[in-house]
Amino acid sequence: MRAVVYRGVNDLRLETVPVPRIGAHELLVKVAVCGVCPTDINKIHYGTVPPPRIFGHETAGTIVKIGVGKSGIRNFKVGDRVALHHHVPCLDCHYCRHHAFAQCETYKRTGITAGFEPAGGGYAEYVRVMPFVQPGVVKIPAKNSFAEGAMLEPVNTVLKAVKRLELLRGDTVLVTGQGPIGLMFTRLLQLAGMKVLATDLLASRLKLAKKFGAHRACLASEVSSLVTRYSSPLDAAIIAVPSDAAVTQALQLVRGAGKILIFAHTKRTEVRRRASNHQPSTLNYQLDLASICLDEKDLIGSYSADFTLQREVARLVFSRQLDARPLITHRFPLTETAAAVALAARPTEASLKILVNVSG
């Protein structure tokens, strides 16, 4: 089969590799589409994991084979169109008992592979789905597309973050950045009854934010004056861009007992240092810790997905309450996966979510 193999920093190669062999209770899925995710982009651009690997984890396709076992697999059959989920926790460890699934060692194992060290495998024609991640696999209704199925994983990460904030209906929330993730935040918050103030550097994104349910939208440079003008104190702020300055600004703008959620700061300091050739001191920025303490503000991180939310996510996406289709702006064939990754890494004003069409 054809697959795009990561061979080193910024080195993606279209190769012929064996179709994965499956064991008992495993699924073989023919990949239709796979989304391009920033976490994979970071691994490709900065070499944070050793090659070779086949990336791609926002995957949807068709079950073509089921591994024979004593009890079989009750929930699936050959021909089912499915959205895959590559991380599922053990539900029993210290982290799982604290509902911090992304820190669970079992969760950190990738249960879907197209070969080599398991890494998602969506940039290949077939993937092997291991039993421990099958609780996160969702069937795609006939009316919905493979592309919508591939959007379940990123929507899941956003819904998880929204729930971590524990907001009250009617709260006012700033969403910084209106790329595909920011727009998902805007829509999910609006569905939950929040008033969303959306900001971005691009005016065209602000128009989209209004369509996705933003109460108000403004350029990032105008957010402070807008909050003051409408006397609408912020109960929370979501930073959906990797901007340190945005975090600092949000901490100043949210009122007492407000919450700041950091979603896009996924490069650790040493990676940022290598990428920017800066010394450590130039990467630091000052937080007003007294504001956090005296004003009882919460600084929260959220990373990755929560498979226990899969049914809720599927309902939102497949019912099109959150219509993911307008977020998809570019599709590339498997042979042009490197170009898809490059565009996702440096998006244009016209680009939002990027998909790789493998066979769908």
Protein backbone atom coordinates (compact mmCIF):
# COMPACT_ATOMS: atom_id res chain seq x y z
CA MET A 1 0.00 0.00 0.00
CA ARG A 2 0.99 3.64 -0.34
CA ALA A 3 1.92 5.61 2.76
CA VAL A 4 3.61 8.89 3.57
CA VAL A 5 6.52 8.05 5.86
CA TYR A 6 8.25 10.50 8.20
CA ARG A 7 11.99 9.97 7.69
CA GLY A 8 13.36 12.95 9.64
CA VAL A 9 12.86 16.65 10.20
CA ASN A 10 10.68 18.03 7.39
CA ASP A 11 11.22 14.80 5.46
CA LEU A 12 7.97 13.13 4.34
CA ARG A 13 8.24 10.49 1.63
CA LEU A 14 5.58 8.63 -0.34
CA GLU A 15 6.57 4.97 -0.06
CA THR A 16 5.20 1.51 -0.59
CA VAL A 17 4.85 -0.38 2.71
CA PRO A 18 3.09 -3.64 3.69
CA VAL A 19 -0.61 -3.53 4.51
CA PRO A 20 -0.79 -3.93 8.33
CA ARG A 21 -1.46 -7.46 9.53
CA ILE A 22 -4.18 -7.62 12.17
CA GLY A 23 -4.57 -9.98 15.10
CA ALA A 24 -7.53 -11.20 17.10
CA HIS A 25 -10.14 -8.52 17.86
CA GLU A 26 -8.33 -5.95 15.71
CA LEU A 27 -9.78 -3.95 12.82
CA LEU A 28 -8.30 -3.23 9.41
CA VAL A 29 -9.66 0.06 8.13
CA LYS A 30 -9.30 1.45 4.62
CA VAL A 31 -8.58 5.14 5.15
CA ALA A 32 -10.78 7.61 3.31
CA VAL A 33 -9.62 10.94 4.74
CA CYS A 34 -7.32 12.24 7.45
CA GLY A 35 -7.05 15.74 8.89
CA VAL A 36 -3.77 17.57 9.40
CA CYS A 37 -3.22 18.32 13.10
CA PRO A 38 -0.76 20.84 14.61
CA THR A 39 0.60 18.21 17.02
CA ASP A 40 1.80 16.13 14.08
CA ILE A 41 3.16 19.25 12.39
CA ASN A 42 5.31 19.97 15.45
CA LYS A 43 6.71 16.43 15.39
CA ILE A 44 7.52 16.72 11.68
CA HIS A 45 9.03 20.20 11.82
CA TYR A 46 11.03 19.86 15.03
CA GLY A 47 11.90 16.18 15.10
CA THR A 48 10.49 15.60 18.57
CA VAL A 49 10.07 11.86 17.87
CA PRO A 50 12.44 9.51 16.03
CA PRO A 51 11.65 8.25 12.52
CA PRO A 52 10.34 6.27 10.78
CA ARG A 53 6.65 6.83 11.50
CA ILE A 54 3.40 7.24 9.63
CA PHE A 55 1.47 10.14 11.12
CA GLY A 56 -2.16 11.20 10.83
CA HIS A 57 -4.72 10.61 13.58
CA GLU A 58 -7.86 12.54 12.55
CA THR A 59 -8.95 9.55 10.52
CA ALA A 60 -12.12 8.15 8.97
CA GLY A 61 -12.58 5.15 6.70
CA THR A 62 -14.24 1.78 6.14
CA ILE A 63 -13.72 -1.47 8.02
CA VAL A 64 -12.49 -4.06 5.50
CA LYS A 65 -11.41 -6.87 7.83
CA ILE A 66 -11.99 -7.96 11.43
CA GLY A 67 -9.51 -10.14 13.31
CA VAL A 68 -10.97 -13.45 14.41
CA GLY A 69 -11.25 -14.07 18.15
CA LYS A 70 -13.12 -16.36 20.50
CA SER A 71 -15.80 -13.81 21.26
CA GLY A 72 -15.57 -11.78 18.06
CA ILE A 73 -16.20 -8.04 17.90
CA ARG A 74 -19.84 -7.33 18.62
CA ASN A 75 -20.09 -3.66 17.73
CA PHE A 76 -18.59 -3.60 14.23
CA LYS A 77 -18.85 -5.40 10.92
CA VAL A 78 -17.05 -5.28 7.59
CA GLY A 79 -18.35 -2.35 5.57
CA ASP A 80 -19.00 -0.04 8.52
CA ARG A 81 -17.92 3.55 7.90
CA VAL A 82 -16.12 4.72 11.03
CA ALA A 83 -14.36 7.64 12.66
CA LEU A 84 -11.29 6.49 14.57
CA HIS A 85 -9.93 7.52 17.96
CA HIS A 86 -6.27 6.77 18.62
CA HIS A 87 -5.99 7.34 22.40
CA VAL A 88 -8.03 5.64 25.13
CA PRO A 89 -7.00 5.65 28.82
CA CYS A 90 -6.93 2.78 31.30
CA LEU A 91 -9.59 4.42 33.55
CA ASP A 92 -7.87 2.99 36.64
CA CYS A 93 -4.59 4.83 37.28
CA HIS A 94 -3.93 7.92 39.42
CA TYR A 95 -4.44 10.26 36.46
CA CYS A 96 -7.62 8.57 35.29
CA ARG A 97 -9.09 8.74 38.80
CA HIS A 98 -8.51 12.50 38.55
CA HIS A 99 -10.06 12.55 35.06
CA ALA A 100 -6.70 13.66 33.61
CA PHE A 101 -6.80 11.09 30.84
CA ALA A 102 -4.11 12.69 28.65
CA GLN A 103 -1.54 12.03 31.42
CA CYS A 104 -2.36 8.29 31.62
CA GLU A 105 0.43 6.00 30.37
CA THR A 106 -2.07 3.81 28.53
CA TYR A 107 -3.59 6.90 26.91
CA LYS A 108 -0.15 7.95 25.68
CA ARG A 109 0.10 4.70 23.72
CA THR A 110 -1.20 5.09 20.17
CA GLY A 111 -3.61 2.31 19.29
CA ILE A 112 -3.76 2.86 15.53
CA THR A 113 -0.90 2.21 13.15
CA ALA A 114 -0.03 1.78 9.47
CA GLY A 115 3.41 0.38 10.31
CA PHE A 116 6.59 1.23 12.23
CA GLU A 117 6.13 2.77 15.71
CA PRO A 118 2.37 3.43 16.11
CA ALA A 119 1.71 7.09 15.28
CA GLY A 120 -1.86 7.22 13.96
CA GLY A 121 -1.22 5.99 10.44
CA GLY A 122 -3.85 8.13 8.72
CA TYR A 123 -1.46 9.16 5.96
CA ALA A 124 -1.64 5.63 4.56
CA GLU A 125 -4.19 3.58 2.66
CA TYR A 126 -4.88 1.14 5.53
CA VAL A 127 -4.56 1.22 9.31
CA ARG A 128 -4.69 -1.40 12.04
CA VAL A 129 -6.95 -0.52 14.98
CA MET A 130 -6.00 -2.23 18.25
CA PRO A 131 -8.63 -3.44 20.72
CA PHE A 132 -7.85 -0.99 23.53
CA VAL A 133 -8.83 2.07 21.42
CA GLN A 134 -11.97 0.58 19.89
CA PRO A 135 -14.22 2.09 22.62
CA GLY A 136 -13.50 5.44 20.94
CA VAL A 137 -14.41 4.30 17.41
CA VAL A 138 -17.72 5.76 16.16
CA LYS A 139 -19.88 4.67 13.23
CA ILE A 140 -20.58 7.41 10.67
CA PRO A 141 -24.27 7.80 9.74
CA ALA A 142 -25.19 7.36 6.09
CA LYS A 143 -26.08 11.05 5.71
CA ASN A 144 -22.67 12.21 6.90
CA SER A 145 -19.36 12.29 5.04
CA PHE A 146 -16.01 10.76 5.90
CA ALA A 147 -14.73 14.32 6.25
CA GLU A 148 -17.23 14.98 9.03
CA GLY A 149 -16.08 11.78 10.70
CA ALA A 150 -12.49 12.95 10.59
CA MET A 151 -13.51 16.13 12.41
CA LEU A 152 -14.68 14.27 15.52
CA GLU A 153 -11.21 14.13 17.07
CA PRO A 154 -10.46 17.89 16.94
CA VAL A 155 -13.99 18.75 18.06
CA ASN A 156 -13.53 16.36 20.97
CA THR A 157 -10.42 18.22 22.14
CA VAL A 158 -12.34 21.50 22.09
CA LEU A 159 -15.39 20.15 23.92
CA LYS A 160 -13.10 18.70 26.59
CA ALA A 161 -11.54 22.13 27.09
CA VAL A 162 -14.92 23.86 27.31
CA LYS A 163 -16.01 21.43 30.01
CA ARG A 164 -12.80 22.01 31.97
CA LEU A 165 -13.78 25.66 32.35
CA GLU A 166 -17.01 24.78 34.22
CA LEU A 167 -18.74 27.93 32.98
CA LEU A 168 -22.27 29.08 33.80
CA ARG A 169 -24.86 29.84 31.16
CA GLY A 170 -24.68 33.54 30.27
CA ASP A 171 -20.97 33.92 31.05
CA THR A 172 -18.91 36.11 28.75
CA VAL A 173 -15.92 34.37 27.18
CA LEU A 174 -13.08 35.74 25.07
CA VAL A 175 -11.81 33.37 22.36
CA THR A 176 -8.45 34.52 21.02
CA GLY A 177 -7.83 33.21 17.51
CA GLN A 178 -10.50 32.24 14.99
CA GLY A 179 -8.78 29.51 13.06
CA PRO A 180 -10.55 26.16 12.84
CA ILE A 181 -10.05 25.43 16.55
CA GLY A 182 -11.08 28.91 17.65
CA LEU A 183 -14.22 28.72 15.52
CA MET A 184 -15.09 25.37 17.12
CA PHE A 185 -14.72 27.00 20.53
CA THR A 186 -16.95 29.87 19.45
CA ARG A 187 -19.70 27.55 18.27
CA LEU A 188 -19.61 25.15 21.22
CA LEU A 189 -19.65 28.03 23.70
CA GLN A 190 -22.57 29.64 21.89
CA LEU A 191 -24.46 26.35 21.96
CA ALA A 192 -23.85 26.17 25.71
CA GLY A 193 -25.39 29.62 26.21
CA MET A 194 -22.25 31.74 26.58
CA LYS A 195 -21.67 35.20 25.14
CA VAL A 196 -18.56 34.92 22.99
CA LEU A 197 -16.18 37.76 22.19
CA ALA A 198 -14.06 36.51 19.29
CA THR A 199 -10.77 38.07 18.22
CA ASP A 200 -8.33 37.45 15.40
CA LEU A 201 -5.73 39.27 13.33
CA LEU A 202 -7.80 38.85 10.16
CA ALA A 203 -11.09 40.64 9.48
CA SER A 204 -12.29 37.74 7.31
CA ARG A 205 -12.04 35.40 10.30
CA LEU A 206 -14.20 37.76 12.34
CA LYS A 207 -17.00 37.44 9.78
CA LEU A 208 -16.78 33.67 10.14
CA ALA A 209 -16.81 33.98 13.92
CA LYS A 210 -20.13 35.82 13.74
CA LYS A 211 -21.54 33.01 11.60
CA PHE A 212 -20.36 30.50 14.18
CA GLY A 213 -22.18 32.32 16.96
CA ALA A 214 -19.92 35.05 18.32
CA HIS A 215 -21.83 37.78 20.18
CA ARG A 216 -19.16 40.32 19.24
CA ALA A 217 -16.00 40.08 17.13
CA CYS A 218 -13.05 42.42 16.82
CA LEU A 219 -9.43 42.57 15.77
CA ALA A 220 -7.00 41.42 18.47
CA SER A 221 -5.65 44.96 18.81
CA GLU A 222 -9.12 46.24 19.74
CA VAL A 223 -10.15 43.75 22.40
CA SER A 224 -9.24 45.84 25.44
CA SER A 225 -11.16 48.86 24.22
CA LEU A 226 -14.15 46.71 23.24
CA VAL A 227 -14.37 45.15 26.70
CA THR A 228 -14.21 48.64 28.24
CA ARG A 229 -16.69 50.16 25.78
CA TYR A 230 -19.41 47.61 26.45
CA SER A 231 -18.69 47.28 30.18
CA SER A 232 -18.80 43.53 29.74
CA PRO A 233 -16.27 41.95 32.11
CA LEU A 234 -14.89 38.64 30.99
CA ASP A 235 -15.61 35.50 32.98
CA ALA A 236 -13.12 33.46 30.99
CA ALA A 237 -10.65 33.63 28.13
CA ILE A 238 -9.55 30.85 25.81
CA ILE A 239 -6.17 31.25 24.12
CA ALA A 240 -6.43 29.25 20.89
CA VAL A 241 -3.17 30.64 19.47
CA PRO A 242 0.40 30.09 20.78
CA SER A 243 0.81 33.71 21.89
CA ASP A 244 2.39 34.52 25.26
CA ALA A 245 1.20 38.12 24.96
CA ALA A 246 -2.39 36.92 24.56
CA VAL A 247 -2.13 35.03 27.85
CA THR A 248 -0.84 38.11 29.64
CA GLN A 249 -3.58 40.27 28.16
CA ALA A 250 -6.26 37.75 29.07
CA LEU A 251 -5.08 37.65 32.66
CA GLN A 252 -5.54 41.41 32.81
CA LEU A 253 -8.99 41.37 31.18
CA VAL A 254 -10.80 38.60 33.06
CA ARG A 255 -12.50 39.67 36.24
CA GLY A 256 -11.97 38.22 39.71
CA ALA A 257 -12.53 34.46 39.84
CA GLY A 258 -12.15 34.42 36.04
CA LYS A 259 -10.46 31.62 34.14
CA ILE A 260 -7.83 31.57 31.42
CA LEU A 261 -7.54 28.39 29.38
CA ILE A 262 -4.38 27.77 27.37
CA PHE A 263 -4.99 25.47 24.40
CA ALA A 264 -2.32 26.08 21.76
CA HIS A 265 0.97 26.27 23.71
CA THR A 266 2.12 22.77 22.72
CA LYS A 267 5.84 23.42 22.17
CA ARG A 268 7.91 22.93 25.31
CA THR A 269 10.54 25.56 26.10
CA GLU A 270 13.47 23.57 24.70
CA VAL A 271 11.64 23.06 21.38
CA ARG A 272 10.76 26.75 21.16
CA ARG A 273 14.38 27.63 21.90
CA ARG A 274 15.67 25.41 19.09
CA ALA A 275 13.07 26.77 16.69
CA SER A 276 13.83 30.42 17.46
CA ASN A 277 17.56 30.24 18.29
CA HIS A 278 16.80 32.34 21.36
CA GLN A 279 18.32 32.03 24.80
CA PRO A 280 16.01 30.78 27.56
CA SER A 281 15.63 34.21 29.16
CA THR A 282 14.17 35.72 26.00
CA LEU A 283 11.41 33.12 25.98
CA ASN A 284 10.18 33.99 29.46
CA TYR A 285 7.40 36.46 30.12
CA GLN A 286 6.00 37.91 33.29
CA LEU A 287 2.72 36.79 34.80
CA ASP A 288 1.07 38.86 37.50
CA LEU A 289 0.99 36.11 40.10
CA ALA A 290 -0.69 38.41 42.62
CA SER A 291 -3.60 38.73 40.21
CA ILE A 292 -3.95 34.96 40.20
CA CYS A 293 -3.72 34.75 43.99
CA LEU A 294 -5.59 37.82 45.24
CA ASP A 295 -8.19 37.90 42.48
CA GLU A 296 -8.58 34.11 42.56
CA LYS A 297 -8.10 33.69 38.84
CA ASP A 298 -7.47 30.23 37.41
CA LEU A 299 -4.86 29.45 34.75
CA ILE A 300 -5.85 26.16 33.11
CA GLY A 301 -4.29 23.95 30.46
CA SER A 302 -6.16 21.50 28.24
CA TYR A 303 -4.58 19.02 25.88
CA SER A 304 -5.86 16.24 23.64
CA ALA A 305 -9.22 14.47 23.69
CA ASP A 306 -11.52 12.64 26.10
CA PHE A 307 -12.99 9.44 24.64
CA THR A 308 -15.85 9.52 27.18
CA LEU A 309 -17.17 12.52 25.22
CA GLN A 310 -17.26 10.68 21.88
CA ARG A 311 -21.02 10.11 21.85
CA GLU A 312 -21.72 13.76 22.66
CA VAL A 313 -19.20 14.90 20.04
CA ALA A 314 -20.72 12.58 17.43
CA ARG A 315 -24.20 13.96 18.18
CA LEU A 316 -22.99 17.55 17.79
CA VAL A 317 -21.09 16.94 14.54
CA PHE A 318 -23.40 14.45 12.83
CA SER A 319 -26.53 16.46 13.70
CA ARG A 320 -24.62 19.50 12.36
CA GLN A 321 -25.37 21.58 15.44
CA LEU A 322 -21.68 22.14 15.01
CA ASP A 323 -21.46 22.04 11.24
CA ALA A 324 -17.84 21.18 10.56
CA ARG A 325 -18.16 21.32 6.78
CA PRO A 326 -17.51 25.07 6.38
CA LEU A 327 -14.26 24.67 8.33
CA ILE A 328 -12.78 22.41 5.64
CA THR A 329 -11.18 24.65 3.03
CA HIS A 330 -8.48 22.52 1.40
CA ARG A 331 -8.13 18.87 0.39
CA PHE A 332 -4.94 17.27 -0.89
CA PRO A 333 -4.36 13.80 -2.37
CA LEU A 334 -2.12 11.41 -0.43
CA THR A 335 0.69 12.11 -2.90
CA GLU A 336 0.69 15.77 -1.78
CA THR A 337 0.61 15.22 1.98
CA ALA A 338 3.81 17.24 2.44
CA ALA A 339 2.10 20.22 0.77
CA ALA A 340 -0.94 19.76 3.02
CA VAL A 341 1.29 19.83 6.11
CA ALA A 342 3.13 22.89 4.80
CA LEU A 343 -0.11 24.82 4.28
CA ALA A 344 -1.44 23.84 7.70
CA ALA A 345 1.83 24.97 9.27
CA ARG A 346 1.68 28.35 7.54
CA PRO A 347 -2.01 29.00 6.90
CA THR A 348 -3.19 31.67 4.51
CA GLU A 349 -6.17 33.94 5.03
CA ALA A 350 -8.24 31.52 2.95
CA SER A 351 -7.15 28.32 4.67
CA LEU A 352 -8.75 26.71 7.71
CA LYS A 353 -8.93 22.94 8.14
CA ILE A 354 -6.77 20.87 5.80
CA LEU A 355 -7.63 17.29 4.88
CA VAL A 356 -5.71 14.57 3.07
CA ASN A 357 -7.96 12.53 0.75
CA VAL A 358 -6.51 9.06 0.89
CA SER A 359 -9.20 7.05 -0.91
CA GLY A 360 -12.45 8.91 -0.14
